[in-house]
Amino acid sequence: MPEAVVKAEVDAALHDAVHGLDHDEEALNKLLEEQGSSREEFDKDAQEAAERSVKTQLLLDSIADAGNVTVGQDELTERILFQAQRYGMAPEQFIQQIQQANQLGAVFADVRRGKALASVVESAGVKDTSGAVVDTAELFGSSEAETEADESDSAESEDK
């Protein structure tokens, strides 16, 4: 397990927790006590969550590698637009921020992992609580449509 990646995840969880408290760790400790928890428990939970997250990321990266999962420019752009909207930012401003923070690769990896997960769900065959097969294309889109779109993008690029 890459400890530096786990530590970065733990640090991010702490940052997220204290961000709304003006980065006051004492305020976080007090809040945790009021909730019947402790800083030690928070740190332990953050460590466990980070380890699970990194394991999941590594697994999805392996699945993506094995399946030769690619990310098209349209998919990356769509994710960036979605994230910008989610944070209430103009897309150009969001792109500038993720570039300055060297996070464009993380956005790319997130899209790729999502596609890997979708491929696993699609191949597994999902059933609802009544036992009826769920059409995963409604949830994730069809891989055939993505393949056709990728081929169309390639053909357009070659024409230019």
Protein backbone atom coordinates (compact mmCIF):
# COMPACT_ATOMS: atom_id res chain seq x y z
CA MET A 1 0.00 0.00 0.00
CA PRO A 2 1.53 3.35 -1.01
CA GLU A 3 1.79 5.08 2.39
CA ALA A 4 2.32 8.54 0.87
CA VAL A 5 -0.99 8.26 -0.98
CA VAL A 6 -2.77 7.06 2.16
CA LYS A 7 -1.26 9.93 4.16
CA ALA A 8 -2.41 12.42 1.53
CA GLU A 9 -5.96 11.02 1.80
CA VAL A 10 -5.86 11.27 5.61
CA ASP A 11 -4.54 14.84 5.41
CA ALA A 12 -7.30 15.74 2.95
CA ALA A 13 -9.94 14.32 5.32
CA LEU A 14 -8.55 16.41 8.17
CA HIS A 15 -8.40 19.50 5.97
CA ASP A 16 -12.01 18.98 4.90
CA ALA A 17 -13.09 18.56 8.53
CA VAL A 18 -11.38 21.72 9.81
CA HIS A 19 -12.08 23.85 6.73
CA GLY A 20 -15.57 24.77 7.92
CA LEU A 21 -14.14 25.55 11.35
CA ASP A 22 -11.69 28.21 10.12
CA HIS A 23 -8.92 25.58 10.23
CA ASP A 24 -9.16 25.44 14.03
CA GLU A 25 -8.22 21.92 15.13
CA GLU A 26 -9.24 22.67 18.72
CA ALA A 27 -12.73 23.50 17.47
CA LEU A 28 -12.76 20.14 15.67
CA ASN A 29 -11.71 18.35 18.86
CA LYS A 30 -14.49 20.11 20.79
CA LEU A 31 -17.06 19.29 18.11
CA LEU A 32 -16.03 15.63 18.14
CA GLU A 33 -16.38 15.51 21.94
CA GLU A 34 -19.86 17.04 21.69
CA GLN A 35 -20.76 14.26 19.25
CA GLY A 36 -19.50 11.59 21.63
CA SER A 37 -16.34 10.94 19.65
CA SER A 38 -12.68 11.89 19.96
CA ARG A 39 -9.82 13.07 17.82
CA GLU A 40 -8.19 9.64 18.14
CA GLU A 41 -11.36 8.00 16.83
CA PHE A 42 -11.57 10.55 13.99
CA ASP A 43 -7.93 9.90 13.04
CA LYS A 44 -8.45 6.12 13.16
CA ASP A 45 -11.59 6.34 11.01
CA ALA A 46 -9.83 8.66 8.54
CA GLN A 47 -6.89 6.23 8.29
CA GLU A 48 -9.19 3.25 7.67
CA ALA A 49 -11.24 5.15 5.09
CA ALA A 50 -8.08 6.31 3.32
CA GLU A 51 -6.73 2.76 3.16
CA ARG A 52 -10.03 1.47 1.72
CA SER A 53 -10.09 4.32 -0.79
CA VAL A 54 -6.54 3.68 -1.98
CA LYS A 55 -7.19 -0.06 -2.29
CA THR A 56 -10.31 0.68 -4.34
CA GLN A 57 -8.39 3.10 -6.56
CA LEU A 58 -5.63 0.55 -7.15
CA LEU A 59 -8.17 -2.17 -7.95
CA LEU A 60 -10.04 0.06 -10.42
CA ASP A 61 -6.74 1.13 -12.00
CA SER A 62 -5.84 -2.54 -12.50
CA ILE A 63 -9.25 -3.25 -14.03
CA ALA A 64 -8.88 -0.22 -16.31
CA ASP A 65 -5.41 -1.37 -17.38
CA ALA A 66 -6.60 -4.92 -18.07
CA GLY A 67 -9.57 -3.65 -20.06
CA ASN A 68 -7.56 -1.02 -21.93
CA VAL A 69 -10.00 1.64 -20.68
CA THR A 70 -9.42 5.00 -22.33
CA VAL A 71 -10.81 8.45 -21.61
CA GLY A 72 -11.85 10.65 -24.49
CA GLN A 73 -11.53 14.42 -24.56
CA ASP A 74 -15.33 14.74 -24.45
CA GLU A 75 -15.53 12.62 -21.30
CA LEU A 76 -12.84 14.65 -19.57
CA THR A 77 -14.50 17.91 -20.59
CA GLU A 78 -17.87 16.67 -19.37
CA ARG A 79 -16.41 15.81 -15.96
CA ILE A 80 -14.67 19.18 -15.69
CA LEU A 81 -17.89 21.01 -16.56
CA PHE A 82 -19.81 18.94 -14.01
CA GLN A 83 -17.25 19.60 -11.27
CA ALA A 84 -17.13 23.32 -12.05
CA GLN A 85 -20.92 23.50 -11.78
CA ARG A 86 -20.84 21.50 -8.56
CA TYR A 87 -18.43 24.00 -7.00
CA GLY A 88 -20.31 26.98 -8.42
CA MET A 89 -17.39 28.08 -10.58
CA ALA A 90 -16.99 29.11 -14.18
CA PRO A 91 -15.45 26.20 -16.14
CA GLU A 92 -12.42 28.32 -17.13
CA GLN A 93 -11.78 29.23 -13.48
CA PHE A 94 -12.12 25.60 -12.40
CA ILE A 95 -9.72 24.43 -15.12
CA GLN A 96 -7.21 27.08 -14.08
CA GLN A 97 -7.42 25.96 -10.44
CA ILE A 98 -7.00 22.26 -11.16
CA GLN A 99 -4.08 23.00 -13.46
CA GLN A 100 -2.39 25.16 -10.81
CA ALA A 101 -2.92 22.41 -8.24
CA ASN A 102 -1.65 19.76 -10.70
CA GLN A 103 -4.96 17.90 -10.36
CA LEU A 104 -5.89 17.42 -14.01
CA GLY A 105 -4.39 13.93 -13.85
CA ALA A 106 -6.57 13.15 -10.83
CA VAL A 107 -9.69 14.18 -12.76
CA PHE A 108 -8.59 11.99 -15.68
CA ALA A 109 -7.95 9.06 -13.32
CA ASP A 110 -11.34 9.53 -11.68
CA VAL A 111 -13.13 9.36 -15.05
CA ARG A 112 -11.10 6.27 -16.00
CA ARG A 113 -11.90 4.55 -12.71
CA GLY A 114 -15.59 5.33 -13.17
CA LYS A 115 -15.51 3.70 -16.58
CA ALA A 116 -13.72 0.66 -15.14
CA LEU A 117 -16.37 0.33 -12.44
CA ALA A 118 -19.14 0.66 -15.02
CA SER A 119 -17.56 -2.13 -17.06
CA VAL A 120 -17.48 -4.42 -14.02
CA VAL A 121 -21.12 -3.68 -13.18
CA GLU A 122 -22.13 -4.20 -16.81
CA SER A 123 -20.36 -7.56 -17.04
CA ALA A 124 -21.65 -8.73 -13.65
CA GLY A 125 -25.33 -8.45 -14.51
CA VAL A 126 -27.33 -6.52 -11.95
CA LYS A 127 -30.74 -7.53 -10.61
CA ASP A 128 -33.21 -5.43 -8.64
CA THR A 129 -34.90 -6.59 -5.43
CA SER A 130 -37.59 -8.46 -7.39
CA GLY A 131 -34.97 -10.38 -9.36
CA ALA A 132 -35.46 -8.55 -12.66
CA VAL A 133 -32.32 -7.77 -14.62
CA VAL A 134 -31.42 -4.06 -14.52
CA ASP A 135 -30.36 -2.42 -17.77
CA THR A 136 -27.05 -0.91 -16.71
CA ALA A 137 -26.91 1.10 -19.96
CA GLU A 138 -29.56 3.34 -18.38
CA LEU A 139 -27.23 3.97 -15.44
CA PHE A 140 -23.84 4.13 -17.15
CA GLY A 141 -24.55 4.44 -20.86
CA SER A 142 -23.74 1.64 -23.23
CA SER A 143 -20.17 0.69 -23.97
CA GLU A 144 -21.16 0.24 -27.62
CA ALA A 145 -22.22 3.89 -27.83
CA GLU A 146 -18.92 4.94 -26.25
CA THR A 147 -16.97 2.82 -28.72
CA GLU A 148 -18.86 4.36 -31.63
CA ALA A 149 -18.27 7.86 -30.23
CA ASP A 150 -14.55 7.13 -29.77
CA GLU A 151 -14.32 5.84 -33.35
CA SER A 152 -16.17 8.94 -34.57
CA ASP A 153 -13.76 11.19 -32.63
CA SER A 154 -10.79 9.33 -34.14
CA ALA A 155 -12.18 9.67 -37.65
CA GLU A 156 -12.76 13.40 -37.15
CA SER A 157 -9.21 13.84 -35.87
CA GLU A 158 -7.80 12.01 -38.89
CA ASP A 159 -9.84 14.22 -41.25
CA LYS A 160 -8.26 17.38 -39.84
